[in-house]
PDB file of N, CA and C in Angstrom:
ATOM      1  N   MET A   1     -59.633-176.974 -49.218  1.00  0.00           N
ATOM      2  CA  MET A   1     -59.134-175.593 -50.265  1.00  0.00           C
ATOM      3  C   MET A   1     -59.593-174.425 -49.312  1.00  0.00           C
ATOM      4  N   ASN A   2     -60.776-174.686 -48.969  1.00  0.00           N
ATOM      5  CA  ASN A   2     -61.595-173.028 -48.365  1.00  0.00           C
ATOM      6  C   ASN A   2     -60.255-172.916 -46.651  1.00  0.00           C
ATOM      7  N   ARG A   3     -60.259-174.674 -46.614  1.00  0.00           N
ATOM      8  CA  ARG A   3     -59.665-173.904 -44.883  1.00  0.00           C
ATOM      9  C   ARG A   3     -58.109-173.605 -45.275  1.00  0.00           C
ATOM     10  N   MET A   4     -57.473-173.984 -45.749  1.00  0.00           N
ATOM     11  CA  MET A   4     -56.109-173.198 -46.500  1.00  0.00           C
ATOM     12  C   MET A   4     -56.328-172.166 -46.471  1.00  0.00           C
ATOM     13  N   ILE A   5     -57.229-171.765 -47.938  1.00  0.00           N
ATOM     14  CA  ILE A   5     -57.292-170.352 -48.104  1.00  0.00           C
ATOM     15  C   ILE A   5     -57.454-169.067 -46.866  1.00  0.00           C
ATOM     16  N   ALA A   6     -58.096-169.871 -46.032  1.00  0.00           N
ATOM     17  CA  ALA A   6     -58.333-169.051 -44.255  1.00  0.00           C
ATOM     18  C   ALA A   6     -57.241-168.874 -43.404  1.00  0.00           C
ATOM     19  N   THR A   7     -56.921-170.323 -43.831  1.00  0.00           N
ATOM     20  CA  THR A   7     -55.666-170.278 -42.618  1.00  0.00           C
ATOM     21  C   THR A   7     -54.499-169.224 -43.321  1.00  0.00           C
ATOM     22  N   LEU A   8     -54.515-168.899 -44.414  1.00  0.00           N
ATOM     23  CA  LEU A   8     -53.518-168.003 -45.406  1.00  0.00           C
ATOM     24  C   LEU A   8     -53.784-166.765 -45.597  1.00  0.00           C
ATOM     25  N   LYS A   9     -55.101-166.522 -44.954  1.00  0.00           N
ATOM     26  CA  LYS A   9     -55.534-165.188 -44.979  1.00  0.00           C
ATOM     27  C   LYS A   9     -55.564-164.771 -46.162  1.00  0.00           C
ATOM     28  N   ILE A  10     -55.905-165.090 -47.294  1.00  0.00           N
ATOM     29  CA  ILE A  10     -56.231-165.106 -48.022  1.00  0.00           C
ATOM     30  C   ILE A  10     -57.880-164.997 -48.821  1.00  0.00           C
ATOM     31  N   LYS A  11     -58.067-163.948 -49.203  1.00  0.00           N
ATOM     32  CA  LYS A  11     -59.552-163.544 -49.140  1.00  0.00           C
ATOM     33  C   LYS A  11     -60.087-164.770 -50.514  1.00  0.00           C
ATOM     34  N   MET A  12     -60.967-165.119 -50.416  1.00  0.00           N
ATOM     35  CA  MET A  12     -61.582-165.932 -51.311  1.00  0.00           C
ATOM     36  C   MET A  12     -62.373-165.322 -52.802  1.00  0.00           C
ATOM     37  N   ILE A  13     -62.449-163.974 -52.597  1.00  0.00           N
ATOM     38  CA  ILE A  13     -62.783-163.088 -53.812  1.00  0.00           C
ATOM     39  C   ILE A  13     -61.582-162.771 -54.946  1.00  0.00           C
ATOM     40  N   ASP A  14     -60.157-162.822 -53.877  1.00  0.00           N
ATOM     41  CA  ASP A  14     -58.737-162.833 -54.746  1.00  0.00           C
ATOM     42  C   ASP A  14     -58.688-164.113 -55.613  1.00  0.00           C
ATOM     43  N   ALA A  15     -59.028-165.134 -55.175  1.00  0.00           N
ATOM     44  CA  ALA A  15     -58.630-166.481 -55.904  1.00  0.00           C
ATOM     45  C   ALA A  15     -59.236-166.752 -57.044  1.00  0.00           C
ATOM     46  N   VAL A  16     -61.176-166.484 -56.423  1.00  0.00           N
ATOM     47  CA  VAL A  16     -62.008-166.348 -57.932  1.00  0.00           C
ATOM     48  C   VAL A  16     -61.113-165.642 -59.159  1.00  0.00           C
ATOM     49  N   ARG A  17     -61.273-164.232 -58.770  1.00  0.00           N
ATOM     50  CA  ARG A  17     -60.860-163.229 -59.854  1.00  0.00           C
ATOM     51  C   ARG A  17     -59.357-163.888 -60.641  1.00  0.00           C
ATOM     52  N   LYS A  18     -58.850-164.582 -60.199  1.00  0.00           N
ATOM     53  CA  LYS A  18     -57.474-164.916 -60.626  1.00  0.00           C
ATOM     54  C   LYS A  18     -57.741-165.408 -61.760  1.00  0.00           C
ATOM     55  N   ASP A  19     -57.277-164.989 -62.915  1.00  0.00           N
ATOM     56  CA  ASP A  19     -57.432-165.502 -64.591  1.00  0.00           C
ATOM     57  C   ASP A  19     -59.045-165.730 -64.446  1.00  0.00           C
ATOM     58  N   ARG A  20     -59.966-165.136 -64.122  1.00  0.00           N
ATOM     59  CA  ARG A  20     -61.560-165.298 -64.236  1.00  0.00           C
ATOM     60  C   ARG A  20     -61.556-166.600 -64.023  1.00  0.00           C
ATOM     61  N   GLY A  21     -61.241-166.617 -62.821  1.00  0.00           N
ATOM     62  CA  GLY A  21     -61.856-168.465 -61.910  1.00  0.00           C
ATOM     63  C   GLY A  21     -61.052-169.614 -62.605  1.00  0.00           C
ATOM     64  N   GLU A  22     -60.886-169.367 -63.583  1.00  0.00           N
ATOM     65  CA  GLU A  22     -60.114-170.660 -64.418  1.00  0.00           C
ATOM     66  C   GLU A  22     -58.860-171.591 -62.983  1.00  0.00           C
ATOM     67  N   ALA A  23     -58.148-170.396 -62.014  1.00  0.00           N
ATOM     68  CA  ALA A  23     -57.433-170.821 -61.543  1.00  0.00           C
ATOM     69  C   ALA A  23     -57.683-171.265 -59.937  1.00  0.00           C
ATOM     70  N   ILE A  24     -58.858-170.896 -59.875  1.00  0.00           N
ATOM     71  CA  ILE A  24     -59.212-171.466 -58.284  1.00  0.00           C
ATOM     72  C   ILE A  24     -59.971-172.896 -58.874  1.00  0.00           C
ATOM     73  N   VAL A  25     -60.420-172.981 -60.167  1.00  0.00           N
ATOM     74  CA  VAL A  25     -61.351-174.121 -60.299  1.00  0.00           C
ATOM     75  C   VAL A  25     -60.380-175.465 -60.321  1.00  0.00           C
ATOM     76  N   SER A  26     -59.101-175.185 -61.102  1.00  0.00           N
ATOM     77  CA  SER A  26     -58.000-175.780 -61.327  1.00  0.00           C
ATOM     78  C   SER A  26     -57.530-175.902 -59.793  1.00  0.00           C
ATOM     79  N   ALA A  27     -57.164-175.481 -59.347  1.00  0.00           N
ATOM     80  CA  ALA A  27     -56.542-175.657 -58.227  1.00  0.00           C
ATOM     81  C   ALA A  27     -57.408-176.640 -56.704  1.00  0.00           C
ATOM     82  N   ARG A  28     -58.824-176.394 -57.145  1.00  0.00           N
ATOM     83  CA  ARG A  28     -60.043-177.144 -56.344  1.00  0.00           C
ATOM     84  C   ARG A  28     -59.486-178.594 -56.659  1.00  0.00           C
ATOM     85  N   ASN A  29     -59.558-178.503 -58.166  1.00  0.00           N
ATOM     86  CA  ASN A  29     -59.160-180.147 -58.476  1.00  0.00           C
ATOM     87  C   ASN A  29     -58.038-180.741 -58.319  1.00  0.00           C
ATOM     88  N   ILE A  30     -56.824-179.589 -58.548  1.00  0.00           N
ATOM     89  CA  ILE A  30     -55.450-180.890 -57.852  1.00  0.00           C
ATOM     90  C   ILE A  30     -56.282-180.870 -56.273  1.00  0.00           C
ATOM     91  N   CYS A  31     -56.659-179.970 -55.243  1.00  0.00           N
ATOM     92  CA  CYS A  31     -56.847-180.295 -54.400  1.00  0.00           C
ATOM     93  C   CYS A  31     -57.843-181.808 -53.862  1.00  0.00           C
ATOM     94  N   PHE A  32     -58.676-181.317 -54.383  1.00  0.00           N
ATOM     95  CA  PHE A  32     -59.166-182.813 -54.661  1.00  0.00           C
ATOM     96  C   PHE A  32     -58.790-184.231 -54.792  1.00  0.00           C
ATOM     97  N   HIS A  33     -58.058-184.386 -55.521  1.00  0.00           N
ATOM     98  CA  HIS A  33     -57.258-185.573 -56.189  1.00  0.00           C
ATOM     99  C   HIS A  33     -55.962-185.695 -55.512  1.00  0.00           C
ATOM    100  N   CYS A  34     -55.977-184.720 -54.545  1.00  0.00           N
ATOM    101  CA  CYS A  34     -54.417-184.784 -53.852  1.00  0.00           C
ATOM    102  C   CYS A  34     -53.930-186.611 -52.845  1.00  0.00           C
ATOM    103  N   ALA A  35     -52.941-186.696 -53.260  1.00  0.00           N
ATOM    104  CA  ALA A  35     -52.388-187.721 -52.067  1.00  0.00           C
ATOM    105  C   ALA A  35     -51.666-187.439 -50.788  1.00  0.00           C
ATOM    106  N   ASP A  36     -51.961-186.080 -50.858  1.00  0.00           N
ATOM    107  CA  ASP A  36     -51.021-185.343 -49.433  1.00  0.00           C
ATOM    108  C   ASP A  36     -52.728-184.967 -48.618  1.00  0.00           C
ATOM    109  N   LYS A  37     -53.513-185.962 -48.430  1.00  0.00           N
ATOM    110  CA  LYS A  37     -54.584-185.039 -47.750  1.00  0.00           C
ATOM    111  C   LYS A  37     -54.276-185.295 -46.082  1.00  0.00           C
ATOM    112  N   ARG A  38     -53.821-186.319 -45.754  1.00  0.00           N
ATOM    113  CA  ARG A  38     -53.576-186.113 -44.181  1.00  0.00           C
ATOM    114  C   ARG A  38     -52.257-185.068 -43.927  1.00  0.00           C
ATOM    115  N   ALA A  39     -51.066-185.149 -44.674  1.00  0.00           N
ATOM    116  CA  ALA A  39     -50.225-184.285 -44.243  1.00  0.00           C
ATOM    117  C   ALA A  39     -50.884-183.244 -44.622  1.00  0.00           C
ATOM    118  N   CYS A  40     -51.817-182.684 -45.593  1.00  0.00           N
ATOM    119  CA  CYS A  40     -52.478-181.370 -45.191  1.00  0.00           C
ATOM    120  C   CYS A  40     -53.314-180.849 -43.648  1.00  0.00           C
ATOM    121  N   GLY A  41     -54.348-182.124 -43.634  1.00  0.00           N
ATOM    122  CA  GLY A  41     -55.036-181.585 -42.565  1.00  0.00           C
ATOM    123  C   GLY A  41     -53.707-181.252 -41.150  1.00  0.00           C
ATOM    124  N   SER A  42     -52.946-183.381 -41.168  1.00  0.00           N
ATOM    125  CA  SER A  42     -52.228-182.414 -39.800  1.00  0.00           C
ATOM    126  C   SER A  42     -51.043-180.770 -40.077  1.00  0.00           C
ATOM    127  N   TRP A  43     -50.936-180.345 -41.099  1.00  0.00           N
ATOM    128  CA  TRP A  43     -50.643-178.972 -40.984  1.00  0.00           C
ATOM    129  C   TRP A  43     -51.400-178.149 -40.832  1.00  0.00           C
ATOM    130  N   LEU A  44     -52.834-178.190 -41.143  1.00  0.00           N
ATOM    131  CA  LEU A  44     -53.229-177.006 -41.293  1.00  0.00           C
ATOM    132  C   LEU A  44     -53.704-177.190 -39.410  1.00  0.00           C
ATOM    133  N   LYS A  45     -53.516-178.000 -39.019  1.00  0.00           N
ATOM    134  CA  LYS A  45     -53.779-178.167 -37.176  1.00  0.00           C
ATOM    135  C   LYS A  45     -52.895-177.659 -36.505  1.00  0.00           C
ATOM    136  N   ALA A  46     -51.734-177.732 -37.145  1.00  0.00           N
ATOM    137  CA  ALA A  46     -50.662-177.879 -36.581  1.00  0.00           C
ATOM    138  C   ALA A  46     -49.457-175.675 -36.821  1.00  0.00           C
ATOM    139  N   ASN A  47     -50.551-175.515 -37.705  1.00  0.00           N
ATOM    140  CA  ASN A  47     -49.939-174.024 -38.464  1.00  0.00           C
ATOM    141  C   ASN A  47     -51.421-173.343 -37.932  1.00  0.00           C
ATOM    142  N   LYS A  48     -51.479-172.445 -37.406  1.00  0.00           N
ATOM    143  CA  LYS A  48     -52.690-171.518 -37.410  1.00  0.00           C
ATOM    144  C   LYS A  48     -52.297-170.139 -37.686  1.00  0.00           C
ATOM    145  N   ASN A  49     -51.541-170.097 -37.983  1.00  0.00           N
ATOM    146  CA  ASN A  49     -50.854-168.551 -38.333  1.00  0.00           C
ATOM    147  C   ASN A  49     -49.517-168.301 -39.135  1.00  0.00           C
ATOM    148  N   PRO A  50     -49.645-169.211 -40.517  1.00  0.00           N
ATOM    149  CA  PRO A  50     -47.996-169.330 -41.239  1.00  0.00           C
ATOM    150  C   PRO A  50     -48.130-168.583 -42.364  1.00  0.00           C
ATOM    151  N   SER A  51     -46.544-168.479 -42.374  1.00  0.00           N
ATOM    152  CA  SER A  51     -46.081-167.678 -43.379  1.00  0.00           C
ATOM    153  C   SER A  51     -46.268-167.851 -44.578  1.00  0.00           C
ATOM    154  N   ALA A  52     -46.650-169.148 -45.164  1.00  0.00           N
ATOM    155  CA  ALA A  52     -46.357-169.503 -46.310  1.00  0.00           C
ATOM    156  C   ALA A  52     -47.148-170.635 -46.374  1.00  0.00           C
ATOM    157  N   PRO A  53     -47.522-171.218 -47.843  1.00  0.00           N
ATOM    158  CA  PRO A  53     -48.356-172.328 -47.745  1.00  0.00           C
ATOM    159  C   PRO A  53     -47.313-173.468 -46.998  1.00  0.00           C
ATOM    160  N   PRO A  54     -47.448-174.954 -47.271  1.00  0.00           N
ATOM    161  CA  PRO A  54     -47.018-175.521 -47.044  1.00  0.00           C
ATOM    162  C   PRO A  54     -46.091-175.999 -48.509  1.00  0.00           C
ATOM    163  N   HIS A  55     -44.668-176.714 -48.312  1.00  0.00           N
ATOM    164  CA  HIS A  55     -43.836-176.554 -49.708  1.00  0.00           C
ATOM    165  C   HIS A  55     -44.551-178.189 -50.414  1.00  0.00           C
ATOM    166  N   PHE A  56     -44.888-179.048 -49.379  1.00  0.00           N
ATOM    167  CA  PHE A  56     -45.620-180.382 -50.299  1.00  0.00           C
ATOM    168  C   PHE A  56     -46.792-179.927 -50.818  1.00  0.00           C
ATOM    169  N   CYS A  57     -47.612-179.091 -50.987  1.00  0.00           N
ATOM    170  CA  CYS A  57     -48.589-178.696 -51.306  1.00  0.00           C
ATOM    171  C   CYS A  57     -48.585-178.835 -52.814  1.00  0.00           C
ATOM    172  N   PRO A  58     -49.525-179.291 -53.480  1.00  0.00           N
ATOM    173  CA  PRO A  58     -49.235-178.958 -55.249  1.00  0.00           C
ATOM    174  C   PRO A  58     -50.061-177.797 -55.756  1.00  0.00           C
ATOM    175  N   ASN A  59     -50.560-177.070 -54.723  1.00  0.00           N
ATOM    176  CA  ASN A  59     -51.433-175.481 -55.336  1.00  0.00           C
ATOM    177  C   ASN A  59     -50.435-174.645 -54.488  1.00  0.00           C
ATOM    178  N   SER A  60     -49.370-174.782 -54.013  1.00  0.00           N
ATOM    179  CA  SER A  60     -48.517-173.888 -53.189  1.00  0.00           C
ATOM    180  C   SER A  60     -48.152-172.428 -54.245  1.00  0.00           C
ATOM    181  N   THR A  61     -47.903-172.829 -55.590  1.00  0.00           N
ATOM    182  CA  THR A  61     -47.536-171.430 -56.295  1.00  0.00           C
ATOM    183  C   THR A  61     -48.631-170.563 -55.946  1.00  0.00           C
ATOM    184  N   PHE A  62     -49.852-170.869 -56.516  1.00  0.00           N
ATOM    185  CA  PHE A  62     -51.291-170.340 -56.791  1.00  0.00           C
ATOM    186  C   PHE A  62     -51.245-170.096 -55.474  1.00  0.00           C
ATOM    187  N   LEU A  63     -51.373-170.277 -54.492  1.00  0.00           N
ATOM    188  CA  LEU A  63     -51.372-169.728 -52.946  1.00  0.00           C
ATOM    189  C   LEU A  63     -50.649-168.922 -52.098  1.00  0.00           C
ATOM    190  N   GLU A  64     -49.107-168.707 -52.899  1.00  0.00           N
ATOM    191  CA  GLU A  64     -48.360-168.101 -52.678  1.00  0.00           C
ATOM    192  C   GLU A  64     -48.286-166.730 -53.471  1.00  0.00           C
ATOM    193  N   GLN A  65     -48.512-166.797 -54.405  1.00  0.00           N
ATOM    194  CA  GLN A  65     -49.418-165.655 -55.476  1.00  0.00           C
ATOM    195  C   GLN A  65     -50.114-164.959 -54.918  1.00  0.00           C
ATOM    196  N   LEU A  66     -51.533-165.738 -54.807  1.00  0.00           N
ATOM    197  CA  LEU A  66     -52.511-164.875 -53.655  1.00  0.00           C
ATOM    198  C   LEU A  66     -52.164-164.451 -52.732  1.00  0.00           C
ATOM    199  N   ARG A  67     -50.763-165.049 -51.871  1.00  0.00           N
ATOM    200  CA  ARG A  67     -51.123-164.463 -50.358  1.00  0.00           C
ATOM    201  C   ARG A  67     -49.815-162.825 -50.728  1.00  0.00           C
ATOM    202  N   VAL A  68     -48.965-163.165 -51.523  1.00  0.00           N
ATOM    203  CA  VAL A  68     -47.779-161.984 -51.921  1.00  0.00           C
ATOM    204  C   VAL A  68     -48.958-161.315 -52.353  1.00  0.00           C
ATOM    205  N   THR A  69     -49.551-161.536 -53.526  1.00  0.00           N
ATOM    206  CA  THR A  69     -50.317-160.160 -53.833  1.00  0.00           C
ATOM    207  C   THR A  69     -51.372-159.552 -53.026  1.00  0.00           C
ATOM    208  N   ALA A  70     -52.190-160.360 -52.173  1.00  0.00           N
ATOM    209  CA  ALA A  70     -52.847-159.125 -51.098  1.00  0.00           C
ATOM    210  C   ALA A  70     -52.264-158.812 -50.543  1.00  0.00           C
ATOM    211  N   HIS A  71     -50.611-159.365 -50.049  1.00  0.00           N
ATOM    212  CA  HIS A  71     -49.863-158.486 -48.748  1.00  0.00           C
ATOM    213  C   HIS A  71     -49.393-156.921 -49.528  1.00  0.00           C
ATOM    214  N   GLU A  72     -48.921-157.301 -50.779  1.00  0.00           N
ATOM    215  CA  GLU A  72     -48.486-156.115 -51.387  1.00  0.00           C
ATOM    216  C   GLU A  72     -49.780-154.427 -51.524  1.00  0.00           C
ATOM    217  N   ARG A  73     -50.531-155.440 -51.599  1.00  0.00           N
ATOM    218  CA  ARG A  73     -52.107-154.212 -51.735  1.00  0.00           C
ATOM    219  C   ARG A  73     -52.311-153.940 -50.837  1.00  0.00           C
ATOM    220  N   LYS A  74     -52.298-154.290 -49.572  1.00  0.00           N
ATOM    221  CA  LYS A  74     -52.536-154.068 -48.175  1.00  0.00           C
ATOM    222  C   LYS A  74     -51.129-152.986 -48.155  1.00  0.00           C
ATOM    223  N   ASN A  75     -50.143-152.957 -48.831  1.00  0.00           N
ATOM    224  CA  ASN A  75     -48.913-152.267 -47.793  1.00  0.00           C
ATOM    225  C   ASN A  75     -49.014-151.238 -48.785  1.00  0.00           C
ATOM    226  N   THR A  76     -49.004-151.482 -50.325  1.00  0.00           N
ATOM    227  CA  THR A  76     -49.361-150.494 -51.032  1.00  0.00           C
ATOM    228  C   THR A  76     -50.574-149.352 -50.455  1.00  0.00           C
ATOM    229  N   HIS A  77     -51.525-149.761 -50.248  1.00  0.00           N
ATOM    230  CA  HIS A  77     -52.881-148.956 -50.365  1.00  0.00           C
ATOM    231  C   HIS A  77     -53.472-148.905 -49.250  1.00  0.00           C
ATOM    232  N   GLY A  78     -53.078-149.985 -48.018  1.00  0.00           N
ATOM    233  CA  GLY A  78     -53.571-149.663 -46.922  1.00  0.00           C
ATOM    234  C   GLY A  78     -54.739-150.509 -46.763  1.00  0.00           C
ATOM    235  N   TRP A  79     -55.319-151.300 -47.497  1.00  0.00           N
ATOM    236  CA  TRP A  79     -56.376-151.839 -47.984  1.00  0.00           C
ATOM    237  C   TRP A  79     -56.180-153.035 -47.299  1.00  0.00           C
ATOM    238  N   GLN A  80     -57.475-153.993 -46.640  1.00  0.00           N
ATOM    239  CA  GLN A  80     -57.101-155.195 -45.792  1.00  0.00           C
ATOM    240  C   GLN A  80     -57.871-156.146 -46.280  1.00  0.00           C
TER     241      GLN A  80
END
């Protein structure tokens, strides 16, 4: 999960703040029990600057929401 968040350039603090921390706890649990760990590892090695999480990831909606929110905040406020 940490590598995916870093690869997508999501700040961990944003992930922790979503839904008062419940979302990241759920996402980590899903990641831990994921059947596609090899596919995930291969995807992470092959995608150093992706524009979105992989379609096969069960956390892709959560990760995309965080990525889009951070991007919108940066464009609106100039924050990074």
